[in-house]
Amino acid sequence: MMRFCSSLLLATALLVPFASARAQNGSAMGVLPQAELDVVKVLTAQERAWNNGDMAGFLSGYKQSPETIFVGETVQHGSDNLAQRYHSTYPNKDSMGTLSFSDLQPRVLDDNYALVTGRFHLDRPRKSGGTADGVFSLVLEHTASGWKIILDHTS
């Protein structure tokens, strides 16, 4: 019994400083500051729209601007070009498949800009392109209509 109590006391002593450090930076127990939650909500809304076959809803996560940039196999400038790319690459629900984001790491830089890194998984039939996985980094700007993606680098 004494050994158990000593082990429990040692484990507690080791975990308390770690838990305290996590609490001080606002991410204890997976809780994010509100601004970071708001940034993540952009991606969850995109994921939901995509999985409903709602391309317009998915694209609403991007800032409608000629300065919006997408970096993939090529670099595309402007939200109109970005929309055209998505519409031609994913013309229907089968080609869109089911999208999921994971390992999201939001970081609010200041009141106007934030970064997010993460992974994506696209599950779809082989005849529609098959599954795809990759990583992404996003820069978002806080606009009058909320956080919007201004730079998307997906590979």
C-alpha atoms as a PDB file:
ATOM      1  CA  MET A   1       0.000   0.000   0.000  1.00  0.00           C
ATOM      2  CA  MET A   2       2.848   2.371   0.830  1.00  0.00           C
ATOM      3  CA  ARG A   3       4.468   1.701  -2.575  1.00  0.00           C
ATOM      4  CA  PHE A   4       1.153   2.438  -4.348  1.00  0.00           C
ATOM      5  CA  CYS A   5       0.728   5.739  -2.485  1.00  0.00           C
ATOM      6  CA  SER A   6       4.320   6.727  -3.268  1.00  0.00           C
ATOM      7  CA  SER A   7       3.788   5.937  -6.969  1.00  0.00           C
ATOM      8  CA  LEU A   8       0.541   7.892  -7.035  1.00  0.00           C
ATOM      9  CA  LEU A   9       2.189  10.867  -5.337  1.00  0.00           C
ATOM     10  CA  LEU A  10       5.094  10.790  -7.812  1.00  0.00           C
ATOM     11  CA  ALA A  11       2.745  10.593 -10.819  1.00  0.00           C
ATOM     12  CA  THR A  12       0.708  13.527  -9.495  1.00  0.00           C
ATOM     13  CA  ALA A  13       3.837  15.576  -8.869  1.00  0.00           C
ATOM     14  CA  LEU A  14       4.957  14.967 -12.461  1.00  0.00           C
ATOM     15  CA  LEU A  15       1.575  15.736 -14.063  1.00  0.00           C
ATOM     16  CA  VAL A  16       0.612  18.893 -12.166  1.00  0.00           C
ATOM     17  CA  PRO A  17       3.289  21.139 -13.751  1.00  0.00           C
ATOM     18  CA  PHE A  18       2.383  19.798 -17.213  1.00  0.00           C
ATOM     19  CA  ALA A  19      -1.336  20.369 -16.670  1.00  0.00           C
ATOM     20  CA  SER A  20      -0.625  23.831 -15.262  1.00  0.00           C
ATOM     21  CA  ALA A  21       1.479  24.799 -18.297  1.00  0.00           C
ATOM     22  CA  ARG A  22      -1.266  23.592 -20.650  1.00  0.00           C
ATOM     23  CA  ALA A  23      -3.874  25.580 -18.696  1.00  0.00           C
ATOM     24  CA  GLN A  24      -1.800  28.764 -18.867  1.00  0.00           C
ATOM     25  CA  ASN A  25      -1.671  28.685 -22.663  1.00  0.00           C
ATOM     26  CA  GLY A  26      -5.428  28.111 -22.907  1.00  0.00           C
ATOM     27  CA  SER A  27      -5.382  24.583 -24.286  1.00  0.00           C
ATOM     28  CA  ALA A  28      -5.810  22.383 -21.223  1.00  0.00           C
ATOM     29  CA  MET A  29      -7.871  19.283 -21.832  1.00  0.00           C
ATOM     30  CA  GLY A  30      -8.328  20.154 -25.511  1.00  0.00           C
ATOM     31  CA  VAL A  31     -10.066  23.491 -24.804  1.00  0.00           C
ATOM     32  CA  LEU A  32      -9.107  26.163 -27.301  1.00  0.00           C
ATOM     33  CA  PRO A  33      -9.414  29.942 -26.926  1.00  0.00           C
ATOM     34  CA  GLN A  34     -12.538  31.325 -28.628  1.00  0.00           C
ATOM     35  CA  ALA A  35     -10.638  32.854 -31.568  1.00  0.00           C
ATOM     36  CA  GLU A  36      -9.024  29.492 -32.344  1.00  0.00           C
ATOM     37  CA  LEU A  37     -12.416  27.777 -32.076  1.00  0.00           C
ATOM     38  CA  ASP A  38     -13.828  30.310 -34.533  1.00  0.00           C
ATOM     39  CA  VAL A  39     -11.023  29.486 -36.969  1.00  0.00           C
ATOM     40  CA  VAL A  40     -11.660  25.741 -36.634  1.00  0.00           C
ATOM     41  CA  LYS A  41     -15.397  26.349 -37.219  1.00  0.00           C
ATOM     42  CA  VAL A  42     -14.533  27.567 -40.728  1.00  0.00           C
ATOM     43  CA  LEU A  43     -13.056  24.150 -41.512  1.00  0.00           C
ATOM     44  CA  THR A  44     -15.858  22.184 -39.880  1.00  0.00           C
ATOM     45  CA  ALA A  45     -18.380  24.197 -41.912  1.00  0.00           C
ATOM     46  CA  GLN A  46     -16.365  23.464 -45.069  1.00  0.00           C
ATOM     47  CA  GLU A  47     -16.226  19.773 -44.236  1.00  0.00           C
ATOM     48  CA  ARG A  48     -19.996  19.662 -43.658  1.00  0.00           C
ATOM     49  CA  ALA A  49     -20.754  21.582 -46.859  1.00  0.00           C
ATOM     50  CA  TRP A  50     -18.426  19.355 -48.911  1.00  0.00           C
ATOM     51  CA  ASN A  51     -20.003  16.179 -47.564  1.00  0.00           C
ATOM     52  CA  ASN A  52     -23.453  17.550 -48.448  1.00  0.00           C
ATOM     53  CA  GLY A  53     -22.321  18.184 -52.028  1.00  0.00           C
ATOM     54  CA  ASP A  54     -22.554  21.940 -51.421  1.00  0.00           C
ATOM     55  CA  MET A  55     -19.601  23.371 -53.343  1.00  0.00           C
ATOM     56  CA  ALA A  56     -20.779  26.964 -52.835  1.00  0.00           C
ATOM     57  CA  GLY A  57     -20.916  26.378 -49.070  1.00  0.00           C
ATOM     58  CA  PHE A  58     -17.414  24.892 -49.128  1.00  0.00           C
ATOM     59  CA  LEU A  59     -16.043  27.820 -51.136  1.00  0.00           C
ATOM     60  CA  SER A  60     -17.635  30.330 -48.740  1.00  0.00           C
ATOM     61  CA  GLY A  61     -14.739  29.543 -46.369  1.00  0.00           C
ATOM     62  CA  TYR A  62     -12.426  31.394 -48.761  1.00  0.00           C
ATOM     63  CA  LYS A  63     -12.201  35.167 -48.999  1.00  0.00           C
ATOM     64  CA  GLN A  64     -13.796  36.326 -52.235  1.00  0.00           C
ATOM     65  CA  SER A  65     -10.845  38.267 -53.560  1.00  0.00           C
ATOM     66  CA  PRO A  66      -8.452  38.334 -56.515  1.00  0.00           C
ATOM     67  CA  GLU A  67      -5.686  38.087 -53.874  1.00  0.00           C
ATOM     68  CA  THR A  68      -6.784  34.692 -52.487  1.00  0.00           C
ATOM     69  CA  ILE A  69      -4.136  32.070 -53.298  1.00  0.00           C
ATOM     70  CA  PHE A  70      -4.269  28.283 -53.641  1.00  0.00           C
ATOM     71  CA  VAL A  71      -0.990  26.340 -53.819  1.00  0.00           C
ATOM     72  CA  GLY A  72      -1.178  22.712 -54.917  1.00  0.00           C
ATOM     73  CA  GLU A  73       0.353  21.248 -58.046  1.00  0.00           C
ATOM     74  CA  THR A  74       0.154  24.784 -59.401  1.00  0.00           C
ATOM     75  CA  VAL A  75      -0.364  28.216 -57.899  1.00  0.00           C
ATOM     76  CA  GLN A  76      -3.776  29.770 -58.514  1.00  0.00           C
ATOM     77  CA  HIS A  77      -4.529  33.408 -57.793  1.00  0.00           C
ATOM     78  CA  GLY A  78      -8.007  34.718 -57.113  1.00  0.00           C
ATOM     79  CA  SER A  79     -11.106  33.188 -55.602  1.00  0.00           C
ATOM     80  CA  ASP A  80     -12.763  32.960 -59.038  1.00  0.00           C
ATOM     81  CA  ASN A  81      -9.903  30.803 -60.357  1.00  0.00           C
ATOM     82  CA  LEU A  82     -10.015  28.756 -57.168  1.00  0.00           C
ATOM     83  CA  ALA A  83     -13.753  28.155 -57.598  1.00  0.00           C
ATOM     84  CA  GLN A  84     -13.264  27.198 -61.241  1.00  0.00           C
ATOM     85  CA  ARG A  85     -10.555  24.712 -60.235  1.00  0.00           C
ATOM     86  CA  TYR A  86     -12.781  23.084 -57.599  1.00  0.00           C
ATOM     87  CA  HIS A  87     -15.791  22.930 -59.925  1.00  0.00           C
ATOM     88  CA  SER A  88     -13.802  21.297 -62.736  1.00  0.00           C
ATOM     89  CA  THR A  89     -11.910  18.871 -60.472  1.00  0.00           C
ATOM     90  CA  TYR A  90     -15.003  17.893 -58.450  1.00  0.00           C
ATOM     91  CA  PRO A  91     -17.972  18.276 -60.836  1.00  0.00           C
ATOM     92  CA  ASN A  92     -20.429  16.084 -58.882  1.00  0.00           C
ATOM     93  CA  LYS A  93     -21.123  14.454 -55.516  1.00  0.00           C
ATOM     94  CA  ASP A  94     -19.368  11.175 -56.475  1.00  0.00           C
ATOM     95  CA  SER A  95     -16.162  13.009 -57.352  1.00  0.00           C
ATOM     96  CA  MET A  96     -16.418  14.996 -54.121  1.00  0.00           C
ATOM     97  CA  GLY A  97     -16.735  11.870 -51.980  1.00  0.00           C
ATOM     98  CA  THR A  98     -16.514  12.270 -48.211  1.00  0.00           C
ATOM     99  CA  LEU A  99     -14.020  14.735 -46.759  1.00  0.00           C
ATOM    100  CA  SER A 100     -12.602  14.689 -43.255  1.00  0.00           C
ATOM    101  CA  PHE A 101     -10.068  16.951 -41.593  1.00  0.00           C
ATOM    102  CA  SER A 102      -7.867  15.840 -38.706  1.00  0.00           C
ATOM    103  CA  ASP A 103      -4.903  16.970 -36.627  1.00  0.00           C
ATOM    104  CA  LEU A 104      -6.061  20.585 -36.847  1.00  0.00           C
ATOM    105  CA  GLN A 105      -3.608  22.975 -35.214  1.00  0.00           C
ATOM    106  CA  PRO A 106      -4.999  26.529 -35.194  1.00  0.00           C
ATOM    107  CA  ARG A 107      -2.814  29.457 -34.202  1.00  0.00           C
ATOM    108  CA  VAL A 108      -4.188  32.978 -34.015  1.00  0.00           C
ATOM    109  CA  LEU A 109      -1.367  35.398 -34.780  1.00  0.00           C
ATOM    110  CA  ASP A 110      -3.220  38.603 -33.922  1.00  0.00           C
ATOM    111  CA  ASP A 111      -6.703  40.090 -34.257  1.00  0.00           C
ATOM    112  CA  ASN A 112      -6.538  39.886 -38.055  1.00  0.00           C
ATOM    113  CA  TYR A 113      -4.638  36.732 -39.049  1.00  0.00           C
ATOM    114  CA  ALA A 114      -4.463  33.072 -38.108  1.00  0.00           C
ATOM    115  CA  LEU A 115      -2.772  29.899 -39.292  1.00  0.00           C
ATOM    116  CA  VAL A 116      -4.106  26.354 -39.378  1.00  0.00           C
ATOM    117  CA  THR A 117      -2.277  23.174 -40.250  1.00  0.00           C
ATOM    118  CA  GLY A 118      -3.854  19.780 -40.559  1.00  0.00           C
ATOM    119  CA  ARG A 119      -4.520  16.659 -42.562  1.00  0.00           C
ATOM    120  CA  PHE A 120      -7.292  15.812 -44.980  1.00  0.00           C
ATOM    121  CA  HIS A 121      -8.732  12.490 -46.097  1.00  0.00           C
ATOM    122  CA  LEU A 122     -11.007  12.190 -49.109  1.00  0.00           C
ATOM    123  CA  ASP A 123     -12.901   8.925 -49.400  1.00  0.00           C
ATOM    124  CA  ARG A 124     -14.535   8.252 -52.753  1.00  0.00           C
ATOM    125  CA  PRO A 125     -15.071   5.395 -55.198  1.00  0.00           C
ATOM    126  CA  ARG A 126     -12.136   4.358 -57.361  1.00  0.00           C
ATOM    127  CA  LYS A 127     -14.074   5.265 -60.526  1.00  0.00           C
ATOM    128  CA  SER A 128     -14.376   8.809 -59.162  1.00  0.00           C
ATOM    129  CA  GLY A 129     -10.683   9.195 -58.375  1.00  0.00           C
ATOM    130  CA  GLY A 130     -10.217   6.963 -55.322  1.00  0.00           C
ATOM    131  CA  THR A 131      -9.107   8.003 -51.891  1.00  0.00           C
ATOM    132  CA  ALA A 132      -6.715  10.870 -51.319  1.00  0.00           C
ATOM    133  CA  ASP A 133      -4.803  11.997 -48.259  1.00  0.00           C
ATOM    134  CA  GLY A 134      -2.559  14.937 -47.594  1.00  0.00           C
ATOM    135  CA  VAL A 135      -1.592  17.853 -45.444  1.00  0.00           C
ATOM    136  CA  PHE A 136      -2.430  21.530 -45.631  1.00  0.00           C
ATOM    137  CA  SER A 137      -1.550  24.879 -44.180  1.00  0.00           C
ATOM    138  CA  LEU A 138      -3.925  27.810 -44.300  1.00  0.00           C
ATOM    139  CA  VAL A 139      -3.681  31.513 -43.610  1.00  0.00           C
ATOM    140  CA  LEU A 140      -6.959  33.099 -42.593  1.00  0.00           C
ATOM    141  CA  GLU A 141      -7.922  36.739 -42.343  1.00  0.00           C
ATOM    142  CA  HIS A 142     -10.542  38.054 -39.955  1.00  0.00           C
ATOM    143  CA  THR A 143     -13.033  39.938 -42.117  1.00  0.00           C
ATOM    144  CA  ALA A 144     -16.364  41.651 -41.501  1.00  0.00           C
ATOM    145  CA  SER A 145     -18.025  38.292 -42.334  1.00  0.00           C
ATOM    146  CA  GLY A 146     -15.751  36.231 -40.091  1.00  0.00           C
ATOM    147  CA  TRP A 147     -12.539  34.267 -40.642  1.00  0.00           C
ATOM    148  CA  LYS A 148     -11.806  33.577 -44.307  1.00  0.00           C
ATOM    149  CA  ILE A 149      -9.021  31.603 -45.956  1.00  0.00           C
ATOM    150  CA  ILE A 150      -6.680  33.822 -47.978  1.00  0.00           C
ATOM    151  CA  LEU A 151      -3.929  31.288 -48.637  1.00  0.00           C
ATOM    152  CA  ASP A 152      -4.346  27.509 -48.946  1.00  0.00           C
ATOM    153  CA  HIS A 153      -1.310  25.276 -49.456  1.00  0.00           C
ATOM    154  CA  THR A 154      -2.477  21.678 -49.871  1.00  0.00           C
ATOM    155  CA  SER A 155      -0.355  18.699 -50.820  1.00  0.00           C
END
